[in-house]
PDB file of all heavy atoms in Angstrom:
ATOM      1  N   MET A   1      77.486  39.758  37.078  1.00  0.00           N
ATOM      2  CA  MET A   1      76.424  39.604  38.096  1.00  0.00           C
ATOM      3  C   MET A   1      76.810  40.356  39.289  1.00  0.00           C
ATOM      4  O   MET A   1      77.851  40.125  39.890  1.00  0.00           O
ATOM      5  CB  MET A   1      76.106  38.173  38.333  1.00  0.00           C
ATOM      6  CG  MET A   1      74.949  37.936  39.272  1.00  0.00           C
ATOM      7  SD  MET A   1      74.631  36.195  39.571  1.00  0.00           S
ATOM      8  CE  MET A   1      74.085  35.620  38.049  1.00  0.00           C
ATOM      9  N   ASN A   2      75.997  41.397  39.845  1.00  0.00           N
ATOM     10  CA  ASN A   2      76.399  42.095  41.059  1.00  0.00           C
ATOM     11  C   ASN A   2      76.116  41.269  42.268  1.00  0.00           C
ATOM     12  O   ASN A   2      75.532  40.186  42.278  1.00  0.00           O
ATOM     13  CB  ASN A   2      75.653  43.484  41.113  1.00  0.00           C
ATOM     14  CG  ASN A   2      74.162  43.316  41.074  1.00  0.00           C
ATOM     15  OD1 ASN A   2      73.630  42.391  41.584  1.00  0.00           O
ATOM     16  ND2 ASN A   2      73.488  44.175  40.304  1.00  0.00           N
ATOM     17  N   ASN A   3      76.554  41.719  43.455  1.00  0.00           N
ATOM     18  CA  ASN A   3      76.332  41.038  44.722  1.00  0.00           C
ATOM     19  C   ASN A   3      74.871  40.706  45.034  1.00  0.00           C
ATOM     20  O   ASN A   3      74.569  39.643  45.534  1.00  0.00           O
ATOM     21  CB  ASN A   3      76.968  41.814  45.851  1.00  0.00           C
ATOM     22  CG  ASN A   3      78.567  41.773  45.677  1.00  0.00           C
ATOM     23  OD1 ASN A   3      79.130  40.925  45.074  1.00  0.00           O
ATOM     24  ND2 ASN A   3      79.218  42.827  46.283  1.00  0.00           N
ATOM     25  N   ILE A   4      74.117  41.732  44.789  1.00  0.00           N
ATOM     26  CA  ILE A   4      72.620  41.491  45.036  1.00  0.00           C
ATOM     27  C   ILE A   4      72.074  40.382  44.186  1.00  0.00           C
ATOM     28  O   ILE A   4      71.348  39.611  44.642  1.00  0.00           O
ATOM     29  CB  ILE A   4      71.868  42.770  44.829  1.00  0.00           C
ATOM     30  CG1 ILE A   4      72.320  43.895  45.874  1.00  0.00           C
ATOM     31  CG2 ILE A   4      70.316  42.598  44.983  1.00  0.00           C
ATOM     32  CD1 ILE A   4      71.626  45.253  45.652  1.00  0.00           C
ATOM     33  N   SER A   5      72.372  40.464  42.939  1.00  0.00           N
ATOM     34  CA  SER A   5      71.915  39.383  42.017  1.00  0.00           C
ATOM     35  C   SER A   5      72.408  38.030  42.415  1.00  0.00           C
ATOM     36  O   SER A   5      71.748  37.020  42.342  1.00  0.00           O
ATOM     37  CB  SER A   5      72.376  39.730  40.515  1.00  0.00           C
ATOM     38  OG  SER A   5      71.750  40.965  40.114  1.00  0.00           O
ATOM     39  N   LYS A   6      73.741  37.955  42.826  1.00  0.00           N
ATOM     40  CA  LYS A   6      74.253  36.677  43.231  1.00  0.00           C
ATOM     41  C   LYS A   6      73.543  36.223  44.431  1.00  0.00           C
ATOM     42  O   LYS A   6      73.260  35.005  44.590  1.00  0.00           O
ATOM     43  CB  LYS A   6      75.829  36.820  43.539  1.00  0.00           C
ATOM     44  CG  LYS A   6      76.675  37.000  42.278  1.00  0.00           C
ATOM     45  CD  LYS A   6      78.125  37.210  42.792  1.00  0.00           C
ATOM     46  CE  LYS A   6      78.951  37.372  41.540  1.00  0.00           C
ATOM     47  NZ  LYS A   6      80.443  37.534  41.906  1.00  0.00           N
ATOM     48  N   LYS A   7      73.275  37.025  45.466  1.00  0.00           N
ATOM     49  CA  LYS A   7      72.551  36.600  46.652  1.00  0.00           C
ATOM     50  C   LYS A   7      71.163  36.091  46.246  1.00  0.00           C
ATOM     51  O   LYS A   7      70.631  35.068  46.803  1.00  0.00           O
ATOM     52  CB  LYS A   7      72.523  37.764  47.655  1.00  0.00           C
ATOM     53  CG  LYS A   7      73.856  38.067  48.282  1.00  0.00           C
ATOM     54  CD  LYS A   7      73.657  39.250  49.298  1.00  0.00           C
ATOM     55  CE  LYS A   7      75.007  39.575  49.986  1.00  0.00           C
ATOM     56  NZ  LYS A   7      74.927  40.705  50.874  1.00  0.00           N
ATOM     57  N   PHE A   8      70.520  36.835  45.452  1.00  0.00           N
ATOM     58  CA  PHE A   8      69.174  36.453  44.992  1.00  0.00           C
ATOM     59  C   PHE A   8      69.198  35.148  44.273  1.00  0.00           C
ATOM     60  O   PHE A   8      68.386  34.200  44.540  1.00  0.00           O
ATOM     61  CB  PHE A   8      68.565  37.582  44.064  1.00  0.00           C
ATOM     62  CG  PHE A   8      67.178  37.100  43.555  1.00  0.00           C
ATOM     63  CD1 PHE A   8      66.067  37.239  44.318  1.00  0.00           C
ATOM     64  CD2 PHE A   8      67.018  36.647  42.256  1.00  0.00           C
ATOM     65  CE1 PHE A   8      64.840  36.903  43.857  1.00  0.00           C
ATOM     66  CE2 PHE A   8      65.742  36.332  41.796  1.00  0.00           C
ATOM     67  CZ  PHE A   8      64.724  36.435  42.644  1.00  0.00           C
ATOM     68  N   TYR A   9      70.237  34.849  43.394  1.00  0.00           N
ATOM     69  CA  TYR A   9      70.335  33.614  42.721  1.00  0.00           C
ATOM     70  C   TYR A   9      70.535  32.498  43.715  1.00  0.00           C
ATOM     71  O   TYR A   9      69.934  31.372  43.520  1.00  0.00           O
ATOM     72  CB  TYR A   9      71.483  33.757  41.709  1.00  0.00           C
ATOM     73  CG  TYR A   9      71.776  32.440  41.001  1.00  0.00           C
ATOM     74  CD1 TYR A   9      71.000  32.055  39.949  1.00  0.00           C
ATOM     75  CD2 TYR A   9      72.879  31.631  41.344  1.00  0.00           C
ATOM     76  CE1 TYR A   9      71.234  30.805  39.264  1.00  0.00           C
ATOM     77  CE2 TYR A   9      73.108  30.363  40.631  1.00  0.00           C
ATOM     78  CZ  TYR A   9      72.305  30.053  39.598  1.00  0.00           C
ATOM     79  OH  TYR A   9      72.556  28.895  38.945  1.00  0.00           O
ATOM     80  N   LYS A  10      71.432  32.648  44.663  1.00  0.00           N
ATOM     81  CA  LYS A  10      71.720  31.640  45.667  1.00  0.00           C
ATOM     82  C   LYS A  10      70.470  31.292  46.456  1.00  0.00           C
ATOM     83  O   LYS A  10      70.195  30.087  46.722  1.00  0.00           O
ATOM     84  CB  LYS A  10      72.859  32.063  46.563  1.00  0.00           C
ATOM     85  CG  LYS A  10      74.176  32.089  45.949  1.00  0.00           C
ATOM     86  CD  LYS A  10      75.261  32.547  46.886  1.00  0.00           C
ATOM     87  CE  LYS A  10      76.639  32.536  46.288  1.00  0.00           C
ATOM     88  NZ  LYS A  10      77.685  33.024  47.230  1.00  0.00           N
ATOM     89  N   LEU A  11      69.691  32.346  46.863  1.00  0.00           N
ATOM     90  CA  LEU A  11      68.469  32.132  47.576  1.00  0.00           C
ATOM     91  C   LEU A  11      67.434  31.382  46.802  1.00  0.00           C
ATOM     92  O   LEU A  11      66.779  30.425  47.230  1.00  0.00           O
ATOM     93  CB  LEU A  11      67.889  33.434  48.001  1.00  0.00           C
ATOM     94  CG  LEU A  11      66.616  33.421  48.731  1.00  0.00           C
ATOM     95  CD1 LEU A  11      66.724  32.667  50.117  1.00  0.00           C
ATOM     96  CD2 LEU A  11      66.047  34.828  49.092  1.00  0.00           C
ATOM     97  N   LEU A  12      67.250  31.642  45.484  1.00  0.00           N
ATOM     98  CA  LEU A  12      66.415  31.000  44.586  1.00  0.00           C
ATOM     99  C   LEU A  12      66.772  29.476  44.454  1.00  0.00           C
ATOM    100  O   LEU A  12      65.979  28.625  44.447  1.00  0.00           O
ATOM    101  CB  LEU A  12      66.406  31.684  43.250  1.00  0.00           C
ATOM    102  CG  LEU A  12      65.402  31.049  42.158  1.00  0.00           C
ATOM    103  CD1 LEU A  12      63.921  31.161  42.662  1.00  0.00           C
ATOM    104  CD2 LEU A  12      65.605  31.747  40.847  1.00  0.00           C
ATOM    105  N   LEU A  13      68.104  29.287  44.285  1.00  0.00           N
ATOM    106  CA  LEU A  13      68.622  27.927  44.151  1.00  0.00           C
ATOM    107  C   LEU A  13      68.390  27.066  45.402  1.00  0.00           C
ATOM    108  O   LEU A  13      67.958  25.919  45.267  1.00  0.00           O
ATOM    109  CB  LEU A  13      70.153  27.952  43.840  1.00  0.00           C
ATOM    110  CG  LEU A  13      70.892  26.620  43.631  1.00  0.00           C
ATOM    111  CD1 LEU A  13      70.248  25.877  42.380  1.00  0.00           C
ATOM    112  CD2 LEU A  13      72.352  26.855  43.428  1.00  0.00           C
ATOM    113  N   LEU A  14      68.513  27.714  46.546  1.00  0.00           N
ATOM    114  CA  LEU A  14      68.243  27.043  47.798  1.00  0.00           C
ATOM    115  C   LEU A  14      66.779  26.632  47.969  1.00  0.00           C
ATOM    116  O   LEU A  14      66.434  25.557  48.420  1.00  0.00           O
ATOM    117  CB  LEU A  14      68.627  27.939  48.993  1.00  0.00           C
ATOM    118  CG  LEU A  14      68.445  27.352  50.441  1.00  0.00           C
ATOM    119  CD1 LEU A  14      69.192  26.116  50.648  1.00  0.00           C
ATOM    120  CD2 LEU A  14      68.783  28.431  51.496  1.00  0.00           C
ATOM    121  N   LEU A  15      65.851  27.503  47.475  1.00  0.00           N
ATOM    122  CA  LEU A  15      64.480  27.243  47.588  1.00  0.00           C
ATOM    123  C   LEU A  15      64.058  26.109  46.651  1.00  0.00           C
ATOM    124  O   LEU A  15      63.285  25.243  46.969  1.00  0.00           O
ATOM    125  CB  LEU A  15      63.617  28.521  47.139  1.00  0.00           C
ATOM    126  CG  LEU A  15      63.604  29.634  48.191  1.00  0.00           C
ATOM    127  CD1 LEU A  15      62.921  30.847  47.563  1.00  0.00           C
ATOM    128  CD2 LEU A  15      62.888  29.193  49.442  1.00  0.00           C
ATOM    129  N   VAL A  16      64.735  26.029  45.499  1.00  0.00           N
ATOM    130  CA  VAL A  16      64.473  24.894  44.546  1.00  0.00           C
ATOM    131  C   VAL A  16      64.930  23.597  45.142  1.00  0.00           C
ATOM    132  O   VAL A  16      64.207  22.532  45.069  1.00  0.00           O
ATOM    133  CB  VAL A  16      65.207  25.194  43.224  1.00  0.00           C
ATOM    134  CG1 VAL A  16      65.184  23.937  42.346  1.00  0.00           C
ATOM    135  CG2 VAL A  16      64.605  26.364  42.509  1.00  0.00           C
ATOM    136  N   VAL A  17      66.068  23.662  45.806  1.00  0.00           N
ATOM    137  CA  VAL A  17      66.600  22.385  46.396  1.00  0.00           C
ATOM    138  C   VAL A  17      65.710  21.882  47.552  1.00  0.00           C
ATOM    139  O   VAL A  17      65.331  20.726  47.656  1.00  0.00           O
ATOM    140  CB  VAL A  17      68.043  22.607  47.011  1.00  0.00           C
ATOM    141  CG1 VAL A  17      68.471  21.438  47.805  1.00  0.00           C
ATOM    142  CG2 VAL A  17      68.996  22.865  45.821  1.00  0.00           C
ATOM    143  N   ILE A  18      65.227  22.910  48.439  1.00  0.00           N
ATOM    144  CA  ILE A  18      64.251  22.496  49.540  1.00  0.00           C
ATOM    145  C   ILE A  18      62.922  21.898  49.020  1.00  0.00           C
ATOM    146  O   ILE A  18      62.500  20.927  49.435  1.00  0.00           O
ATOM    147  CB  ILE A  18      64.093  23.718  50.399  1.00  0.00           C
ATOM    148  CG1 ILE A  18      65.331  24.130  51.074  1.00  0.00           C
ATOM    149  CG2 ILE A  18      62.969  23.457  51.417  1.00  0.00           C
ATOM    150  CD1 ILE A  18      65.269  25.470  51.856  1.00  0.00           C
ATOM    151  N   THR A  19      62.400  22.613  47.898  1.00  0.00           N
ATOM    152  CA  THR A  19      61.199  22.196  47.399  1.00  0.00           C
ATOM    153  C   THR A  19      61.309  20.852  46.836  1.00  0.00           C
ATOM    154  O   THR A  19      60.451  19.980  46.994  1.00  0.00           O
ATOM    155  CB  THR A  19      60.744  23.218  46.295  1.00  0.00           C
ATOM    156  OG1 THR A  19      60.577  24.498  46.922  1.00  0.00           O
ATOM    157  CG2 THR A  19      59.368  22.723  45.783  1.00  0.00           C
ATOM    158  N   THR A  20      62.373  20.535  45.996  1.00  0.00           N
ATOM    159  CA  THR A  20      62.637  19.283  45.425  1.00  0.00           C
ATOM    160  C   THR A  20      62.780  18.151  46.471  1.00  0.00           C
ATOM    161  O   THR A  20      62.214  17.096  46.361  1.00  0.00           O
ATOM    162  CB  THR A  20      63.845  19.312  44.628  1.00  0.00           C
ATOM    163  OG1 THR A  20      63.710  20.374  43.552  1.00  0.00           O
ATOM    164  CG2 THR A  20      64.007  17.967  43.876  1.00  0.00           C
ATOM    165  N   SER A  21      63.456  18.503  47.586  1.00  0.00           N
ATOM    166  CA  SER A  21      63.672  17.592  48.646  1.00  0.00           C
ATOM    167  C   SER A  21      62.390  17.201  49.330  1.00  0.00           C
ATOM    168  O   SER A  21      62.102  16.023  49.686  1.00  0.00           O
ATOM    169  CB  SER A  21      64.659  18.152  49.691  1.00  0.00           C
ATOM    170  OG  SER A  21      64.814  17.206  50.792  1.00  0.00           O
ATOM    171  N   CYS A  22      61.503  18.171  49.522  1.00  0.00           N
ATOM    172  CA  CYS A  22      60.262  18.040  50.146  1.00  0.00           C
ATOM    173  C   CYS A  22      59.316  17.055  49.335  1.00  0.00           C
ATOM    174  O   CYS A  22      58.786  16.118  49.941  1.00  0.00           O
ATOM    175  CB  CYS A  22      59.437  19.279  50.502  1.00  0.00           C
ATOM    176  SG  CYS A  22      60.226  20.303  51.799  1.00  0.00           S
ATOM    177  N   LYS A  23      59.344  17.341  48.069  1.00  0.00           N
ATOM    178  CA  LYS A  23      58.516  16.459  47.157  1.00  0.00           C
ATOM    179  C   LYS A  23      59.119  15.072  47.152  1.00  0.00           C
ATOM    180  O   LYS A  23      58.312  14.097  47.165  1.00  0.00           O
ATOM    181  CB  LYS A  23      58.586  16.994  45.770  1.00  0.00           C
ATOM    182  CG  LYS A  23      57.752  18.325  45.552  1.00  0.00           C
ATOM    183  CD  LYS A  23      57.816  18.853  44.154  1.00  0.00           C
ATOM    184  CE  LYS A  23      56.963  20.039  43.967  1.00  0.00           C
ATOM    185  NZ  LYS A  23      57.022  20.641  42.571  1.00  0.00           N
ATOM    186  N   HIS A  24      60.319  14.949  47.138  1.00  0.00           N
ATOM    187  CA  HIS A  24      60.984  13.512  47.233  1.00  0.00           C
ATOM    188  C   HIS A  24      60.591  12.850  48.427  1.00  0.00           C
ATOM    189  O   HIS A  24      60.211  11.642  48.352  1.00  0.00           O
ATOM    190  CB  HIS A  24      62.493  13.767  47.087  1.00  0.00           C
ATOM    191  CG  HIS A  24      63.242  12.385  47.081  1.00  0.00           C
ATOM    192  ND1 HIS A  24      63.097  11.429  46.117  1.00  0.00           N
ATOM    193  CD2 HIS A  24      64.030  11.874  48.061  1.00  0.00           C
ATOM    194  CE1 HIS A  24      63.831  10.411  46.375  1.00  0.00           C
ATOM    195  NE2 HIS A  24      64.352  10.601  47.596  1.00  0.00           N
ATOM    196  N   ASN A  25      60.579  13.555  49.567  1.00  0.00           N
ATOM    197  CA  ASN A  25      60.204  12.865  50.862  1.00  0.00           C
ATOM    198  C   ASN A  25      58.693  12.441  50.848  1.00  0.00           C
ATOM    199  O   ASN A  25      58.382  11.400  51.402  1.00  0.00           O
ATOM    200  CB  ASN A  25      60.473  13.834  52.011  1.00  0.00           C
ATOM    201  CG  ASN A  25      62.034  13.903  52.248  1.00  0.00           C
ATOM    202  OD1 ASN A  25      62.772  13.052  51.890  1.00  0.00           O
ATOM    203  ND2 ASN A  25      62.400  15.064  52.905  1.00  0.00           N
ATOM    204  N   GLN A  26      57.947  13.259  50.309  1.00  0.00           N
ATOM    205  CA  GLN A  26      56.406  12.905  50.182  1.00  0.00           C
ATOM    206  C   GLN A  26      56.316  11.664  49.363  1.00  0.00           C
ATOM    207  O   GLN A  26      55.478  10.763  49.782  1.00  0.00           O
ATOM    208  CB  GLN A  26      55.715  14.111  49.620  1.00  0.00           C
ATOM    209  CG  GLN A  26      55.509  15.334  50.552  1.00  0.00           C
ATOM    210  CD  GLN A  26      54.840  16.469  49.867  1.00  0.00           C
ATOM    211  OE1 GLN A  26      54.644  16.456  48.666  1.00  0.00           O
ATOM    212  NE2 GLN A  26      54.547  17.512  50.647  1.00  0.00           N
ATOM    213  N   LYS A  27      56.994  11.566  48.359  1.00  0.00           N
ATOM    214  CA  LYS A  27      56.904  10.424  47.460  1.00  0.00           C
ATOM    215  C   LYS A  27      57.439   9.128  48.277  1.00  0.00           C
ATOM    216  O   LYS A  27      56.836   8.094  48.154  1.00  0.00           O
ATOM    217  CB  LYS A  27      57.726  10.548  46.184  1.00  0.00           C
ATOM    218  CG  LYS A  27      57.600   9.479  45.172  1.00  0.00           C
ATOM    219  CD  LYS A  27      58.340   9.797  43.930  1.00  0.00           C
ATOM    220  CE  LYS A  27      58.110   8.698  42.865  1.00  0.00           C
ATOM    221  NZ  LYS A  27      58.571   7.329  43.292  1.00  0.00           N
ATOM    222  N   GLU A  28      58.475   9.328  49.000  1.00  0.00           N
ATOM    223  CA  GLU A  28      58.968   8.189  49.758  1.00  0.00           C
ATOM    224  C   GLU A  28      57.957   7.637  50.813  1.00  0.00           C
ATOM    225  O   GLU A  28      57.761   6.510  50.980  1.00  0.00           O
ATOM    226  CB  GLU A  28      60.262   8.503  50.447  1.00  0.00           C
ATOM    227  CG  GLU A  28      61.480   8.606  49.513  1.00  0.00           C
ATOM    228  CD  GLU A  28      62.732   8.968  50.301  1.00  0.00           C
ATOM    229  OE1 GLU A  28      62.702   9.405  51.385  1.00  0.00           O
ATOM    230  OE2 GLU A  28      63.838   8.697  49.664  1.00  0.00           O
ATOM    231  N   VAL A  29      57.256   8.659  51.425  1.00  0.00           N
ATOM    232  CA  VAL A  29      56.227   8.258  52.369  1.00  0.00           C
ATOM    233  C   VAL A  29      55.117   7.535  51.776  1.00  0.00           C
ATOM    234  O   VAL A  29      54.675   6.512  52.238  1.00  0.00           O
ATOM    235  CB  VAL A  29      55.753   9.563  53.164  1.00  0.00           C
ATOM    236  CG1 VAL A  29      54.559   9.197  53.975  1.00  0.00           C
ATOM    237  CG2 VAL A  29      56.800  10.146  54.065  1.00  0.00           C
ATOM    238  N   TYR A  30      54.723   8.052  50.615  1.00  0.00           N
ATOM    239  CA  TYR A  30      53.704   7.437  49.810  1.00  0.00           C
ATOM    240  C   TYR A  30      54.014   5.995  49.490  1.00  0.00           C
ATOM    241  O   TYR A  30      53.325   5.018  49.577  1.00  0.00           O
ATOM    242  CB  TYR A  30      53.341   8.156  48.640  1.00  0.00           C
ATOM    243  CG  TYR A  30      52.283   7.627  47.683  1.00  0.00           C
ATOM    244  CD1 TYR A  30      50.900   7.708  48.017  1.00  0.00           C
ATOM    245  CD2 TYR A  30      52.680   6.907  46.511  1.00  0.00           C
ATOM    246  CE1 TYR A  30      49.927   7.141  47.172  1.00  0.00           C
ATOM    247  CE2 TYR A  30      51.711   6.326  45.683  1.00  0.00           C
ATOM    248  CZ  TYR A  30      50.300   6.406  46.028  1.00  0.00           C
ATOM    249  OH  TYR A  30      49.407   5.827  45.210  1.00  0.00           O
ATOM    250  N   ASP A  31      55.288   5.873  48.898  1.00  0.00           N
ATOM    251  CA  ASP A  31      55.767   4.540  48.390  1.00  0.00           C
ATOM    252  C   ASP A  31      55.867   3.554  49.638  1.00  0.00           C
ATOM    253  O   ASP A  31      55.627   2.434  49.588  1.00  0.00           O
ATOM    254  CB  ASP A  31      57.162   4.675  47.741  1.00  0.00           C
ATOM    255  CG  ASP A  31      57.031   5.355  46.397  1.00  0.00           C
ATOM    256  OD1 ASP A  31      55.909   5.353  45.918  1.00  0.00           O
ATOM    257  OD2 ASP A  31      58.094   5.670  45.925  1.00  0.00           O
ATOM    258  N   LYS A  32      56.332   4.187  50.819  1.00  0.00           N
ATOM    259  CA  LYS A  32      56.465   3.387  51.985  1.00  0.00           C
ATOM    260  C   LYS A  32      55.081   2.713  52.414  1.00  0.00           C
ATOM    261  O   LYS A  32      54.957   1.603  52.747  1.00  0.00           O
ATOM    262  CB  LYS A  32      57.063   4.157  53.149  1.00  0.00           C
ATOM    263  CG  LYS A  32      57.353   3.382  54.358  1.00  0.00           C
ATOM    264  CD  LYS A  32      57.959   4.204  55.476  1.00  0.00           C
ATOM    265  CE  LYS A  32      58.181   3.378  56.719  1.00  0.00           C
ATOM    266  NZ  LYS A  32      58.739   4.224  57.846  1.00  0.00           N
ATOM    267  N   ASN A  33      54.073   3.618  52.292  1.00  0.00           N
ATOM    268  CA  ASN A  33      52.712   3.037  52.611  1.00  0.00           C
ATOM    269  C   ASN A  33      52.324   1.960  51.683  1.00  0.00           C
ATOM    270  O   ASN A  33      51.742   0.902  52.162  1.00  0.00           O
ATOM    271  CB  ASN A  33      51.694   4.205  52.625  1.00  0.00           C
ATOM    272  CG  ASN A  33      51.935   5.204  53.765  1.00  0.00           C
ATOM    273  OD1 ASN A  33      52.439   4.797  54.844  1.00  0.00           O
ATOM    274  ND2 ASN A  33      51.436   6.389  53.623  1.00  0.00           N
TER     275      ASN A  33
END
């Protein structure tokens, strides 16, 4: 895997983590209500 591919993979992984975290927080707010 070249450097560009590695950077793209890391960026994609970061987006997945952020998206998952946001969904989890929305669920917590809903559950809290």
